[in-house]
C-alpha cells in the first residue's frame, strides 16, 4: 500500500544506492535512497482471515455461554475479544511506520511516517553529517545522525542486523557525497 509521503517507494525496504554516484553529481537524483520499514511476515488477506476466524470463534463461544446462562463467562469472552482486536490494531499502527533517508552531495533528508500516519522530515548538510553506531544498547546497536548540535536516531524499529546493514550502506555514501561536491 503506497504511503502519502513516500508514494510507491515505501512498499519495500531498499538499502542500495538508487543511482551511481558519478551520475548523481550531474543530476538532482540522490546518491543514496533507502526506505526502511518494520518487519512484517503477514499479508493483508492473512490478517483479514485471522480477524474473521477470531471474531467467529468468539461469537460462537459468546452465544454458547449466554445460552447456558453463564453470563460472567460471556463477559470474559468479550473482554478477551477486545484485547485480541486491540493487538491487531496495534500491529497495523506498527506496520505503518517507515523512514526514508536520501543523500545528495550537499544535503541529506530524513523523512519519517509514525504509527499514526504523521509525516515529519529533517534536513542535514551532508558535509557535516556524522553517523554514529552506539553498541551495547538493550535492543541492539543504535544509529544516530549528528550535526551542528542536533542529533536524531534512525532505524529504531529495525532489528540489530538490519541497523548495521543500514549503517554500512549509509556510511559508504556519506563519504563519497562530500567528495562529489
C-alpha atoms as a PDB file:
ATOM      1  CA  UNK A   1       0.000   0.000   0.000  1.00  0.00           C
ATOM      2  CA  UNK A   2       1.660   3.287  -1.038  1.00  0.00           C
ATOM      3  CA  UNK A   3       2.163   5.932   1.602  1.00  0.00           C
ATOM      4  CA  UNK A   4       1.082   9.566   1.314  1.00  0.00           C
ATOM      5  CA  UNK A   5       4.601  10.884   1.882  1.00  0.00           C
ATOM      6  CA  UNK A   6       6.737   8.261   0.163  1.00  0.00           C
ATOM      7  CA  UNK A   7       4.466   7.032  -2.644  1.00  0.00           C
ATOM      8  CA  UNK A   8       5.262   3.689  -4.217  1.00  0.00           C
ATOM      9  CA  UNK A   9       8.836   3.711  -2.856  1.00  0.00           C
ATOM     10  CA  UNK A  10       7.627   2.807   0.649  1.00  0.00           C
ATOM     11  CA  UNK A  11       6.392  -0.624  -0.383  1.00  0.00           C
ATOM     12  CA  UNK A  12       9.708  -2.467   0.136  1.00  0.00           C
ATOM     13  CA  UNK A  13      12.855  -1.738   2.150  1.00  0.00           C
ATOM     14  CA  UNK A  14      15.839  -0.863  -0.014  1.00  0.00           C
ATOM     15  CA  UNK A  15      19.399  -0.455   1.293  1.00  0.00           C
ATOM     16  CA  UNK A  16      21.166   0.079  -2.032  1.00  0.00           C
ATOM     17  CA  UNK A  17      22.043   3.198  -3.986  1.00  0.00           C
ATOM     18  CA  UNK A  18      19.397   4.303  -6.458  1.00  0.00           C
ATOM     19  CA  UNK A  19      21.870   5.753  -8.964  1.00  0.00           C
ATOM     20  CA  UNK A  20      25.647   5.539  -9.293  1.00  0.00           C
ATOM     21  CA  UNK A  21      27.450   8.430  -7.589  1.00  0.00           C
ATOM     22  CA  UNK A  22      29.094   9.736 -10.814  1.00  0.00           C
ATOM     23  CA  UNK A  23      25.702  10.200 -12.472  1.00  0.00           C
ATOM     24  CA  UNK A  24      24.142  11.713  -9.349  1.00  0.00           C
ATOM     25  CA  UNK A  25      26.719  14.505  -9.377  1.00  0.00           C
ATOM     26  CA  UNK A  26      25.292  15.721 -12.690  1.00  0.00           C
ATOM     27  CA  UNK A  27      21.586  15.415 -11.848  1.00  0.00           C
ATOM     28  CA  UNK A  28      19.275  16.142  -8.942  1.00  0.00           C
ATOM     29  CA  UNK A  29      18.889  12.425  -8.181  1.00  0.00           C
ATOM     30  CA  UNK A  30      20.132  11.287  -4.758  1.00  0.00           C
ATOM     31  CA  UNK A  31      23.361   9.349  -4.320  1.00  0.00           C
ATOM     32  CA  UNK A  32      21.618   7.108  -1.813  1.00  0.00           C
ATOM     33  CA  UNK A  33      17.917   6.438  -1.232  1.00  0.00           C
ATOM     34  CA  UNK A  34      16.793   3.958   1.435  1.00  0.00           C
ATOM     35  CA  UNK A  35      13.313   3.235   2.716  1.00  0.00           C
ATOM     36  CA  UNK A  36      13.196   1.322   5.998  1.00  0.00           C
ATOM     37  CA  UNK A  37      10.007  -0.353   7.196  1.00  0.00           C
ATOM     38  CA  UNK A  38       9.336  -2.671  10.174  1.00  0.00           C
ATOM     39  CA  UNK A  39       9.405  -6.420   9.647  1.00  0.00           C
ATOM     40  CA  UNK A  40       6.069  -7.877   8.564  1.00  0.00           C
ATOM     41  CA  UNK A  41       5.648 -11.572   7.884  1.00  0.00           C
ATOM     42  CA  UNK A  42       1.896 -11.439   7.347  1.00  0.00           C
ATOM     43  CA  UNK A  43      -0.201 -10.490   4.355  1.00  0.00           C
ATOM     44  CA  UNK A  44      -3.293  -8.313   4.236  1.00  0.00           C
ATOM     45  CA  UNK A  45      -5.529 -11.296   3.361  1.00  0.00           C
ATOM     46  CA  UNK A  46      -3.931 -13.376   6.115  1.00  0.00           C
ATOM     47  CA  UNK A  47      -4.692 -10.704   8.688  1.00  0.00           C
ATOM     48  CA  UNK A  48      -8.297 -10.399   7.446  1.00  0.00           C
ATOM     49  CA  UNK A  49      -8.765 -14.164   7.695  1.00  0.00           C
ATOM     50  CA  UNK A  50      -7.259 -14.129  11.204  1.00  0.00           C
ATOM     51  CA  UNK A  51      -9.660 -11.410  12.376  1.00  0.00           C
ATOM     52  CA  UNK A  52     -12.635 -13.170  10.741  1.00  0.00           C
ATOM     53  CA  UNK A  53     -11.820 -16.530  12.365  1.00  0.00           C
ATOM     54  CA  UNK A  54     -11.174 -14.849  15.714  1.00  0.00           C
ATOM     55  CA  UNK A  55     -14.464 -12.965  15.576  1.00  0.00           C
ATOM     56  CA  UNK A  56     -16.428 -16.076  14.513  1.00  0.00           C
ATOM     57  CA  UNK A  57     -14.877 -18.124  17.324  1.00  0.00           C
ATOM     58  CA  UNK A  58     -15.743 -15.512  19.926  1.00  0.00           C
ATOM     59  CA  UNK A  59     -19.275 -15.077  18.539  1.00  0.00           C
ATOM     60  CA  UNK A  60     -19.897 -18.830  18.810  1.00  0.00           C
ATOM     61  CA  UNK A  61     -18.475 -19.089  22.334  1.00  0.00           C
ATOM     62  CA  UNK A  62     -20.330 -15.940  23.424  1.00  0.00           C
ATOM     63  CA  UNK A  63     -23.606 -17.423  22.153  1.00  0.00           C
ATOM     64  CA  UNK A  64     -22.852 -20.735  23.901  1.00  0.00           C
ATOM     65  CA  UNK A  65     -22.101 -19.054  27.246  1.00  0.00           C
ATOM     66  CA  UNK A  66     -25.257 -16.946  27.026  1.00  0.00           C
ATOM     67  CA  UNK A  67     -27.342 -19.990  26.069  1.00  0.00           C
ATOM     68  CA  UNK A  68     -26.015 -21.844  29.129  1.00  0.00           C
ATOM     69  CA  UNK A  69     -26.769 -18.840  31.326  1.00  0.00           C
ATOM     70  CA  UNK A  70     -23.118 -18.267  32.231  1.00  0.00           C
ATOM     71  CA  UNK A  71     -23.122 -14.548  31.599  1.00  0.00           C
ATOM     72  CA  UNK A  72     -19.866 -13.927  33.592  1.00  0.00           C
ATOM     73  CA  UNK A  73     -18.057 -16.156  31.087  1.00  0.00           C
ATOM     74  CA  UNK A  74     -19.740 -14.291  28.236  1.00  0.00           C
ATOM     75  CA  UNK A  75     -18.423 -11.038  29.679  1.00  0.00           C
ATOM     76  CA  UNK A  76     -14.969 -12.605  29.965  1.00  0.00           C
ATOM     77  CA  UNK A  77     -15.151 -13.660  26.280  1.00  0.00           C
ATOM     78  CA  UNK A  78     -15.965 -10.080  25.235  1.00  0.00           C
ATOM     79  CA  UNK A  79     -13.002  -8.743  27.224  1.00  0.00           C
ATOM     80  CA  UNK A  80     -10.650 -11.280  25.599  1.00  0.00           C
ATOM     81  CA  UNK A  81     -12.024 -10.367  22.147  1.00  0.00           C
ATOM     82  CA  UNK A  82     -11.411  -6.671  22.855  1.00  0.00           C
ATOM     83  CA  UNK A  83      -7.781  -7.354  23.787  1.00  0.00           C
ATOM     84  CA  UNK A  84      -7.243  -9.509  20.680  1.00  0.00           C
ATOM     85  CA  UNK A  85      -8.655  -6.808  18.388  1.00  0.00           C
ATOM     86  CA  UNK A  86      -6.594  -4.151  20.214  1.00  0.00           C
ATOM     87  CA  UNK A  87      -3.500  -6.237  19.459  1.00  0.00           C
ATOM     88  CA  UNK A  88      -4.379  -6.437  15.738  1.00  0.00           C
ATOM     89  CA  UNK A  89      -4.944  -2.654  15.595  1.00  0.00           C
ATOM     90  CA  UNK A  90      -1.613  -2.050  17.377  1.00  0.00           C
ATOM     91  CA  UNK A  91       0.149  -4.236  14.812  1.00  0.00           C
ATOM     92  CA  UNK A  92      -1.439  -2.216  11.999  1.00  0.00           C
ATOM     93  CA  UNK A  93      -0.086   1.005  13.550  1.00  0.00           C
ATOM     94  CA  UNK A  94       3.394  -0.535  13.839  1.00  0.00           C
ATOM     95  CA  UNK A  95       3.364  -1.599  10.186  1.00  0.00           C
ATOM     96  CA  UNK A  96       2.506   1.966   9.130  1.00  0.00           C
ATOM     97  CA  UNK A  97       5.895   3.279  10.327  1.00  0.00           C
ATOM     98  CA  UNK A  98       8.651   3.996   7.829  1.00  0.00           C
ATOM     99  CA  UNK A  99      11.761   6.089   7.331  1.00  0.00           C
ATOM    100  CA  UNK A 100      13.269   7.318   4.097  1.00  0.00           C
ATOM    101  CA  UNK A 101      16.874   8.506   4.042  1.00  0.00           C
ATOM    102  CA  UNK A 102      18.171  10.285   0.944  1.00  0.00           C
ATOM    103  CA  UNK A 103      21.714  11.587   0.474  1.00  0.00           C
ATOM    104  CA  UNK A 104      22.722  14.245  -2.066  1.00  0.00           C
ATOM    105  CA  UNK A 105      26.200  15.806  -2.280  1.00  0.00           C
ATOM    106  CA  UNK A 106      25.042  18.939  -0.436  1.00  0.00           C
ATOM    107  CA  UNK A 107      22.211  17.711   1.816  1.00  0.00           C
ATOM    108  CA  UNK A 108      20.716  14.662   3.490  1.00  0.00           C
ATOM    109  CA  UNK A 109      16.982  14.316   4.054  1.00  0.00           C
ATOM    110  CA  UNK A 110      15.361  12.029   6.634  1.00  0.00           C
ATOM    111  CA  UNK A 111      11.580  11.611   6.234  1.00  0.00           C
ATOM    112  CA  UNK A 112       9.511   9.699   8.793  1.00  0.00           C
ATOM    113  CA  UNK A 113       5.986   8.359   8.995  1.00  0.00           C
ATOM    114  CA  UNK A 114       4.974   7.395  12.533  1.00  0.00           C
ATOM    115  CA  UNK A 115       2.362   4.868  13.628  1.00  0.00           C
ATOM    116  CA  UNK A 116      -0.403   7.474  13.428  1.00  0.00           C
ATOM    117  CA  UNK A 117       0.496   8.306   9.798  1.00  0.00           C
ATOM    118  CA  UNK A 118       2.046  11.716  10.549  1.00  0.00           C
ATOM    119  CA  UNK A 119       4.911  12.771   8.258  1.00  0.00           C
ATOM    120  CA  UNK A 120       7.974  14.579   9.605  1.00  0.00           C
ATOM    121  CA  UNK A 121      11.256  15.406   7.921  1.00  0.00           C
ATOM    122  CA  UNK A 122      14.646  16.784   8.849  1.00  0.00           C
ATOM    123  CA  UNK A 123      17.334  18.098   6.545  1.00  0.00           C
ATOM    124  CA  UNK A 124      21.069  17.952   7.230  1.00  0.00           C
ATOM    125  CA  UNK A 125      24.199  19.274   5.491  1.00  0.00           C
ATOM    126  CA  UNK A 126      25.916  16.160   4.149  1.00  0.00           C
ATOM    127  CA  UNK A 127      29.445  17.506   4.566  1.00  0.00           C
ATOM    128  CA  UNK A 128      28.979  17.966   8.319  1.00  0.00           C
ATOM    129  CA  UNK A 129      26.833  14.921   8.994  1.00  0.00           C
ATOM    130  CA  UNK A 130      28.235  12.175  11.211  1.00  0.00           C
ATOM    131  CA  UNK A 131      26.814   8.671  11.560  1.00  0.00           C
ATOM    132  CA  UNK A 132      27.434   7.057  14.953  1.00  0.00           C
ATOM    133  CA  UNK A 133      26.715   3.424  15.796  1.00  0.00           C
ATOM    134  CA  UNK A 134      26.267   3.068  19.562  1.00  0.00           C
ATOM    135  CA  UNK A 135      26.784  -0.556  20.590  1.00  0.00           C
ATOM    136  CA  UNK A 136      25.685  -2.050  23.905  1.00  0.00           C
ATOM    137  CA  UNK A 137      22.098  -0.794  23.751  1.00  0.00           C
ATOM    138  CA  UNK A 138      19.369  -3.190  25.018  1.00  0.00           C
ATOM    139  CA  UNK A 139      17.712  -3.660  21.595  1.00  0.00           C
ATOM    140  CA  UNK A 140      20.969  -3.844  19.635  1.00  0.00           C
ATOM    141  CA  UNK A 141      23.075  -1.059  18.148  1.00  0.00           C
ATOM    142  CA  UNK A 142      21.608   2.429  17.874  1.00  0.00           C
ATOM    143  CA  UNK A 143      22.150   4.569  14.728  1.00  0.00           C
ATOM    144  CA  UNK A 144      22.475   8.282  15.391  1.00  0.00           C
ATOM    145  CA  UNK A 145      22.922  11.119  12.894  1.00  0.00           C
ATOM    146  CA  UNK A 146      24.557  14.228  14.385  1.00  0.00           C
ATOM    147  CA  UNK A 147      25.488  17.647  13.039  1.00  0.00           C
ATOM    148  CA  UNK A 148      25.656  21.173  14.436  1.00  0.00           C
ATOM    149  CA  UNK A 149      24.382  20.204  17.887  1.00  0.00           C
ATOM    150  CA  UNK A 150      21.396  18.260  16.523  1.00  0.00           C
ATOM    151  CA  UNK A 151      21.045  14.523  16.912  1.00  0.00           C
ATOM    152  CA  UNK A 152      18.491  12.078  15.560  1.00  0.00           C
ATOM    153  CA  UNK A 153      18.100   8.314  15.883  1.00  0.00           C
ATOM    154  CA  UNK A 154      17.235   6.394  12.697  1.00  0.00           C
ATOM    155  CA  UNK A 155      16.035   2.823  12.147  1.00  0.00           C
ATOM    156  CA  UNK A 156      14.815   2.303  15.718  1.00  0.00           C
ATOM    157  CA  UNK A 157      12.184  -0.240  14.597  1.00  0.00           C
ATOM    158  CA  UNK A 158      14.691  -2.346  12.622  1.00  0.00           C
ATOM    159  CA  UNK A 159      16.447  -5.415  14.000  1.00  0.00           C
ATOM    160  CA  UNK A 160      20.057  -5.095  15.147  1.00  0.00           C
ATOM    161  CA  UNK A 161      21.415  -6.768  11.994  1.00  0.00           C
ATOM    162  CA  UNK A 162      19.293  -4.543   9.732  1.00  0.00           C
ATOM    163  CA  UNK A 163      20.527  -1.435  11.571  1.00  0.00           C
ATOM    164  CA  UNK A 164      24.132  -2.480  10.977  1.00  0.00           C
ATOM    165  CA  UNK A 165      23.380  -3.091   7.279  1.00  0.00           C
ATOM    166  CA  UNK A 166      21.775   0.345   7.021  1.00  0.00           C
ATOM    167  CA  UNK A 167      24.757   1.919   8.815  1.00  0.00           C
ATOM    168  CA  UNK A 168      27.228   0.273   6.419  1.00  0.00           C
ATOM    169  CA  UNK A 169      25.250   1.320   3.343  1.00  0.00           C
ATOM    170  CA  UNK A 170      24.808   4.863   4.632  1.00  0.00           C
ATOM    171  CA  UNK A 171      28.464   5.218   5.635  1.00  0.00           C
ATOM    172  CA  UNK A 172      29.568   4.123   2.130  1.00  0.00           C
ATOM    173  CA  UNK A 173      27.597   7.020   0.644  1.00  0.00           C
ATOM    174  CA  UNK A 174      28.190   9.798   3.160  1.00  0.00           C
ATOM    175  CA  UNK A 175      31.957   9.922   2.470  1.00  0.00           C
ATOM    176  CA  UNK A 176      31.712   9.998  -1.364  1.00  0.00           C
ATOM    177  CA  UNK A 177      28.949  12.594  -1.145  1.00  0.00           C
ATOM    178  CA  UNK A 178      31.373  15.069   0.401  1.00  0.00           C
ATOM    179  CA  UNK A 179      33.945  14.273  -2.313  1.00  0.00           C
ATOM    180  CA  UNK A 180      31.443  14.831  -5.160  1.00  0.00           C
ATOM    181  CA  UNK A 181      30.828  18.457  -4.135  1.00  0.00           C
END
